[in-house]
N, C-alpha and C. Protein backbone atom coordinates (compact mmCIF):
# COMPACT_ATOMS: atom_id res chain seq x y z
N MET A 1 7.71 -6.41 12.02
CA MET A 1 7.19 -5.26 11.33
C MET A 1 5.71 -5.03 11.67
N ARG A 2 4.97 -6.10 11.81
CA ARG A 2 3.55 -5.94 12.14
C ARG A 2 3.37 -5.29 13.49
N HIS A 3 4.33 -5.48 14.37
CA HIS A 3 4.19 -4.95 15.73
C HIS A 3 4.61 -3.49 15.82
N THR A 4 5.24 -2.96 14.77
CA THR A 4 5.69 -1.58 14.81
C THR A 4 5.00 -0.73 13.75
N ALA A 5 3.80 -1.08 13.38
CA ALA A 5 3.07 -0.34 12.36
C ALA A 5 2.77 1.07 12.85
N THR A 6 2.75 2.01 11.91
CA THR A 6 2.42 3.39 12.24
C THR A 6 0.92 3.52 12.43
N ASP A 7 0.51 4.66 12.98
CA ASP A 7 -0.93 4.92 13.13
C ASP A 7 -1.62 4.89 11.78
N ALA A 8 -0.96 5.45 10.77
CA ALA A 8 -1.54 5.47 9.42
C ALA A 8 -1.71 4.06 8.87
N GLU A 9 -0.73 3.20 9.11
CA GLU A 9 -0.84 1.80 8.65
C GLU A 9 -1.98 1.09 9.35
N HIS A 10 -2.14 1.33 10.64
CA HIS A 10 -3.26 0.72 11.38
C HIS A 10 -4.59 1.20 10.81
N LEU A 11 -4.69 2.48 10.54
CA LEU A 11 -5.92 3.06 10.00
C LEU A 11 -6.23 2.48 8.62
N LEU A 12 -5.23 2.42 7.77
CA LEU A 12 -5.43 1.88 6.43
C LEU A 12 -5.77 0.40 6.47
N TRP A 13 -5.10 -0.35 7.31
CA TRP A 13 -5.38 -1.78 7.41
C TRP A 13 -6.81 -2.02 7.89
N SER A 14 -7.29 -1.20 8.80
CA SER A 14 -8.67 -1.39 9.28
C SER A 14 -9.68 -1.19 8.15
N ALA A 15 -9.31 -0.41 7.13
CA ALA A 15 -10.20 -0.19 6.00
C ALA A 15 -10.03 -1.23 4.90
N LEU A 16 -8.87 -1.90 4.84
CA LEU A 16 -8.60 -2.86 3.77
C LEU A 16 -8.87 -4.32 4.16
N ARG A 17 -8.70 -4.65 5.41
CA ARG A 17 -8.78 -6.06 5.82
C ARG A 17 -10.20 -6.60 5.69
N GLY A 18 -10.27 -7.90 5.63
CA GLY A 18 -11.58 -8.57 5.60
C GLY A 18 -12.41 -8.22 4.38
N ARG A 19 -11.75 -7.94 3.26
CA ARG A 19 -12.43 -7.61 2.00
C ARG A 19 -13.37 -6.43 2.14
N ARG A 20 -13.00 -5.47 3.00
CA ARG A 20 -13.86 -4.31 3.25
C ARG A 20 -13.87 -3.30 2.11
N LEU A 21 -12.86 -3.34 1.27
CA LEU A 21 -12.80 -2.39 0.16
C LEU A 21 -13.17 -3.10 -1.14
N GLY A 22 -14.41 -2.94 -1.53
CA GLY A 22 -14.87 -3.49 -2.80
C GLY A 22 -14.81 -5.00 -2.93
N GLY A 23 -14.68 -5.69 -1.81
CA GLY A 23 -14.61 -7.15 -1.83
C GLY A 23 -13.23 -7.70 -2.19
N PHE A 24 -12.24 -6.82 -2.31
CA PHE A 24 -10.89 -7.27 -2.66
C PHE A 24 -10.11 -7.68 -1.41
N LYS A 25 -9.38 -8.78 -1.52
CA LYS A 25 -8.59 -9.30 -0.41
C LYS A 25 -7.20 -8.66 -0.41
N PHE A 26 -6.83 -8.09 0.73
CA PHE A 26 -5.50 -7.53 0.92
C PHE A 26 -4.75 -8.33 1.97
N ARG A 27 -3.46 -8.39 1.80
CA ARG A 27 -2.57 -9.00 2.78
C ARG A 27 -1.66 -7.91 3.33
N ARG A 28 -1.40 -8.00 4.61
CA ARG A 28 -0.54 -7.02 5.28
C ARG A 28 0.86 -7.60 5.40
N GLN A 29 1.88 -6.75 5.19
CA GLN A 29 3.28 -7.16 5.28
C GLN A 29 3.52 -8.40 4.41
N HIS A 30 3.14 -8.30 3.16
CA HIS A 30 3.21 -9.42 2.23
C HIS A 30 4.57 -9.47 1.53
N PRO A 31 5.27 -10.60 1.60
CA PRO A 31 6.56 -10.70 0.91
C PRO A 31 6.41 -10.72 -0.60
N VAL A 32 7.13 -9.83 -1.24
CA VAL A 32 7.24 -9.79 -2.70
C VAL A 32 8.74 -9.67 -2.94
N GLU A 33 9.37 -10.81 -3.06
CA GLU A 33 10.84 -10.88 -3.07
C GLU A 33 11.47 -9.87 -4.01
N PRO A 34 12.48 -9.19 -3.52
CA PRO A 34 13.12 -9.31 -2.21
C PRO A 34 12.56 -8.32 -1.18
N PHE A 35 11.36 -7.82 -1.40
CA PHE A 35 10.77 -6.78 -0.56
C PHE A 35 9.62 -7.32 0.28
N ILE A 36 9.15 -6.48 1.19
CA ILE A 36 7.92 -6.75 1.93
C ILE A 36 7.01 -5.55 1.71
N ALA A 37 5.88 -5.81 1.08
CA ALA A 37 4.92 -4.74 0.80
C ALA A 37 4.07 -4.47 2.04
N ASP A 38 3.77 -3.19 2.27
CA ASP A 38 2.89 -2.86 3.40
C ASP A 38 1.56 -3.58 3.25
N PHE A 39 0.94 -3.43 2.07
CA PHE A 39 -0.34 -4.08 1.78
C PHE A 39 -0.31 -4.54 0.33
N ALA A 40 -0.85 -5.73 0.07
CA ALA A 40 -0.86 -6.24 -1.30
C ALA A 40 -2.17 -6.95 -1.58
N CYS A 41 -2.71 -6.66 -2.76
CA CYS A 41 -3.85 -7.41 -3.29
C CYS A 41 -3.26 -8.27 -4.40
N THR A 42 -3.03 -9.53 -4.11
CA THR A 42 -2.38 -10.41 -5.08
C THR A 42 -3.27 -10.69 -6.29
N GLU A 43 -4.57 -10.71 -6.08
CA GLU A 43 -5.52 -10.96 -7.17
C GLU A 43 -5.40 -9.90 -8.27
N ARG A 44 -5.17 -8.66 -7.88
CA ARG A 44 -5.08 -7.55 -8.83
C ARG A 44 -3.64 -7.03 -8.99
N MET A 45 -2.67 -7.71 -8.36
CA MET A 45 -1.25 -7.33 -8.46
C MET A 45 -1.04 -5.86 -8.10
N LEU A 46 -1.63 -5.46 -6.96
CA LEU A 46 -1.54 -4.08 -6.50
C LEU A 46 -0.91 -4.03 -5.13
N ILE A 47 0.10 -3.19 -5.01
CA ILE A 47 0.77 -2.95 -3.73
C ILE A 47 0.43 -1.54 -3.29
N VAL A 48 0.11 -1.39 -2.00
CA VAL A 48 -0.15 -0.08 -1.41
C VAL A 48 0.88 0.13 -0.32
N GLU A 49 1.61 1.24 -0.43
CA GLU A 49 2.64 1.58 0.54
C GLU A 49 2.21 2.82 1.32
N ALA A 50 2.39 2.79 2.63
CA ALA A 50 2.16 3.94 3.49
C ALA A 50 3.53 4.48 3.88
N ASP A 51 3.81 5.69 3.43
CA ASP A 51 5.16 6.25 3.61
C ASP A 51 5.18 7.36 4.63
N GLY A 52 6.17 7.29 5.51
CA GLY A 52 6.42 8.33 6.48
C GLY A 52 7.51 9.26 5.98
N GLY A 53 7.93 10.18 6.83
CA GLY A 53 8.93 11.17 6.45
C GLY A 53 10.26 10.59 6.01
N GLN A 54 10.60 9.40 6.48
CA GLN A 54 11.86 8.77 6.09
C GLN A 54 11.92 8.45 4.61
N HIS A 55 10.77 8.50 3.93
CA HIS A 55 10.70 8.17 2.52
C HIS A 55 10.82 9.40 1.61
N ALA A 56 10.87 10.59 2.21
CA ALA A 56 10.93 11.81 1.40
C ALA A 56 12.18 11.80 0.53
N GLU A 57 11.96 12.02 -0.76
CA GLU A 57 13.04 12.09 -1.74
C GLU A 57 13.95 10.87 -1.70
N SER A 58 13.39 9.71 -1.48
CA SER A 58 14.16 8.48 -1.38
C SER A 58 14.37 7.85 -2.75
N ALA A 59 15.60 7.81 -3.20
CA ALA A 59 15.92 7.14 -4.46
C ALA A 59 15.66 5.64 -4.34
N GLY A 60 15.84 5.11 -3.13
CA GLY A 60 15.59 3.69 -2.90
C GLY A 60 14.15 3.31 -3.16
N ASP A 61 13.22 4.19 -2.80
CA ASP A 61 11.80 3.91 -3.04
C ASP A 61 11.49 3.89 -4.54
N ALA A 62 12.08 4.80 -5.28
CA ALA A 62 11.85 4.84 -6.73
C ALA A 62 12.40 3.58 -7.37
N GLU A 63 13.56 3.14 -6.93
CA GLU A 63 14.15 1.91 -7.47
C GLU A 63 13.31 0.70 -7.11
N ARG A 64 12.85 0.66 -5.88
CA ARG A 64 12.00 -0.45 -5.42
C ARG A 64 10.71 -0.51 -6.24
N THR A 65 10.08 0.65 -6.44
CA THR A 65 8.85 0.70 -7.23
C THR A 65 9.11 0.22 -8.65
N ALA A 66 10.20 0.65 -9.24
CA ALA A 66 10.53 0.24 -10.61
C ALA A 66 10.72 -1.27 -10.70
N LYS A 67 11.40 -1.86 -9.73
CA LYS A 67 11.61 -3.32 -9.73
C LYS A 67 10.29 -4.06 -9.58
N LEU A 68 9.42 -3.57 -8.71
CA LEU A 68 8.12 -4.20 -8.52
C LEU A 68 7.27 -4.09 -9.78
N GLU A 69 7.32 -2.94 -10.42
CA GLU A 69 6.55 -2.77 -11.66
C GLU A 69 7.08 -3.66 -12.78
N ARG A 70 8.39 -3.84 -12.85
CA ARG A 70 8.94 -4.75 -13.85
C ARG A 70 8.49 -6.18 -13.59
N ALA A 71 8.20 -6.50 -12.34
CA ALA A 71 7.73 -7.85 -11.98
C ALA A 71 6.22 -7.98 -12.18
N GLY A 72 5.57 -6.93 -12.67
CA GLY A 72 4.14 -7.01 -12.96
C GLY A 72 3.22 -6.38 -11.93
N TRP A 73 3.77 -5.84 -10.86
CA TRP A 73 2.96 -5.21 -9.82
C TRP A 73 2.69 -3.76 -10.16
N ARG A 74 1.55 -3.26 -9.71
CA ARG A 74 1.26 -1.83 -9.73
C ARG A 74 1.45 -1.34 -8.30
N VAL A 75 2.02 -0.16 -8.14
CA VAL A 75 2.35 0.33 -6.80
C VAL A 75 1.72 1.70 -6.59
N LEU A 76 1.01 1.83 -5.47
CA LEU A 76 0.47 3.12 -5.04
C LEU A 76 1.17 3.49 -3.73
N ARG A 77 1.59 4.74 -3.63
CA ARG A 77 2.23 5.24 -2.41
C ARG A 77 1.43 6.42 -1.87
N PHE A 78 1.21 6.40 -0.57
CA PHE A 78 0.51 7.49 0.09
C PHE A 78 1.32 7.92 1.31
N TRP A 79 1.37 9.23 1.53
CA TRP A 79 2.02 9.73 2.74
C TRP A 79 1.14 9.42 3.94
N ASN A 80 1.76 9.16 5.08
CA ASN A 80 1.01 8.84 6.30
C ASN A 80 -0.01 9.93 6.63
N ASN A 81 0.41 11.21 6.50
CA ASN A 81 -0.54 12.28 6.86
C ASN A 81 -1.72 12.33 5.90
N GLU A 82 -1.53 11.92 4.64
CA GLU A 82 -2.64 11.85 3.69
C GLU A 82 -3.63 10.77 4.11
N ILE A 83 -3.12 9.64 4.55
CA ILE A 83 -3.98 8.55 5.02
C ILE A 83 -4.79 9.01 6.23
N GLN A 84 -4.14 9.74 7.13
CA GLN A 84 -4.80 10.16 8.36
C GLN A 84 -5.79 11.30 8.15
N THR A 85 -5.55 12.15 7.15
CA THR A 85 -6.43 13.30 6.97
C THR A 85 -7.41 13.15 5.82
N ASN A 86 -7.17 12.18 4.92
CA ASN A 86 -8.04 12.02 3.75
C ASN A 86 -8.21 10.53 3.42
N LEU A 87 -8.58 9.75 4.41
CA LEU A 87 -8.72 8.31 4.22
C LEU A 87 -9.72 7.99 3.11
N ASP A 88 -10.84 8.70 3.05
CA ASP A 88 -11.83 8.43 2.00
C ASP A 88 -11.24 8.63 0.61
N GLY A 89 -10.45 9.67 0.43
CA GLY A 89 -9.81 9.92 -0.85
C GLY A 89 -8.79 8.85 -1.20
N VAL A 90 -8.02 8.43 -0.21
CA VAL A 90 -7.03 7.37 -0.41
C VAL A 90 -7.73 6.08 -0.83
N LEU A 91 -8.79 5.73 -0.12
CA LEU A 91 -9.52 4.51 -0.44
C LEU A 91 -10.17 4.58 -1.82
N ALA A 92 -10.67 5.75 -2.20
CA ALA A 92 -11.26 5.91 -3.53
C ALA A 92 -10.20 5.71 -4.61
N THR A 93 -8.99 6.20 -4.38
CA THR A 93 -7.90 6.03 -5.34
C THR A 93 -7.51 4.56 -5.46
N ILE A 94 -7.42 3.88 -4.32
CA ILE A 94 -7.08 2.45 -4.31
C ILE A 94 -8.16 1.66 -5.06
N LEU A 95 -9.41 1.92 -4.75
CA LEU A 95 -10.51 1.19 -5.37
C LEU A 95 -10.54 1.42 -6.89
N ALA A 96 -10.30 2.64 -7.31
CA ALA A 96 -10.27 2.93 -8.75
C ALA A 96 -9.16 2.14 -9.43
N LYS A 97 -8.00 2.04 -8.80
CA LYS A 97 -6.89 1.28 -9.37
C LYS A 97 -7.21 -0.21 -9.41
N LEU A 98 -7.88 -0.70 -8.38
CA LEU A 98 -8.27 -2.12 -8.35
C LEU A 98 -9.25 -2.45 -9.47
N ARG A 99 -10.08 -1.51 -9.83
CA ARG A 99 -11.12 -1.75 -10.84
C ARG A 99 -10.63 -1.53 -12.26
N GLU A 100 -9.42 -1.04 -12.43
CA GLU A 100 -8.87 -0.82 -13.79
C GLU A 100 -8.68 -2.12 -14.52
């Protein structure tokens, strides 16, 4: 999965890795059984998902999010084009959620 990341995932990872966002540590392709999260901050129990067109109107994504939230995780989802065209806004949303 790491080798087939989308351009949006690469862009987002470059902003999240190495504690670049508010000093919070993120992990890429982090297992959260039975799923694999695109990005996870385990310290703050926050998962960030970068979604492409295959996720449009996906009942599976809603179910997955519900299961993760029942396990104590908070989940943020962003469309790939949003990441690519409004990275600063995406990062501001993530940082605000981390600070809650």
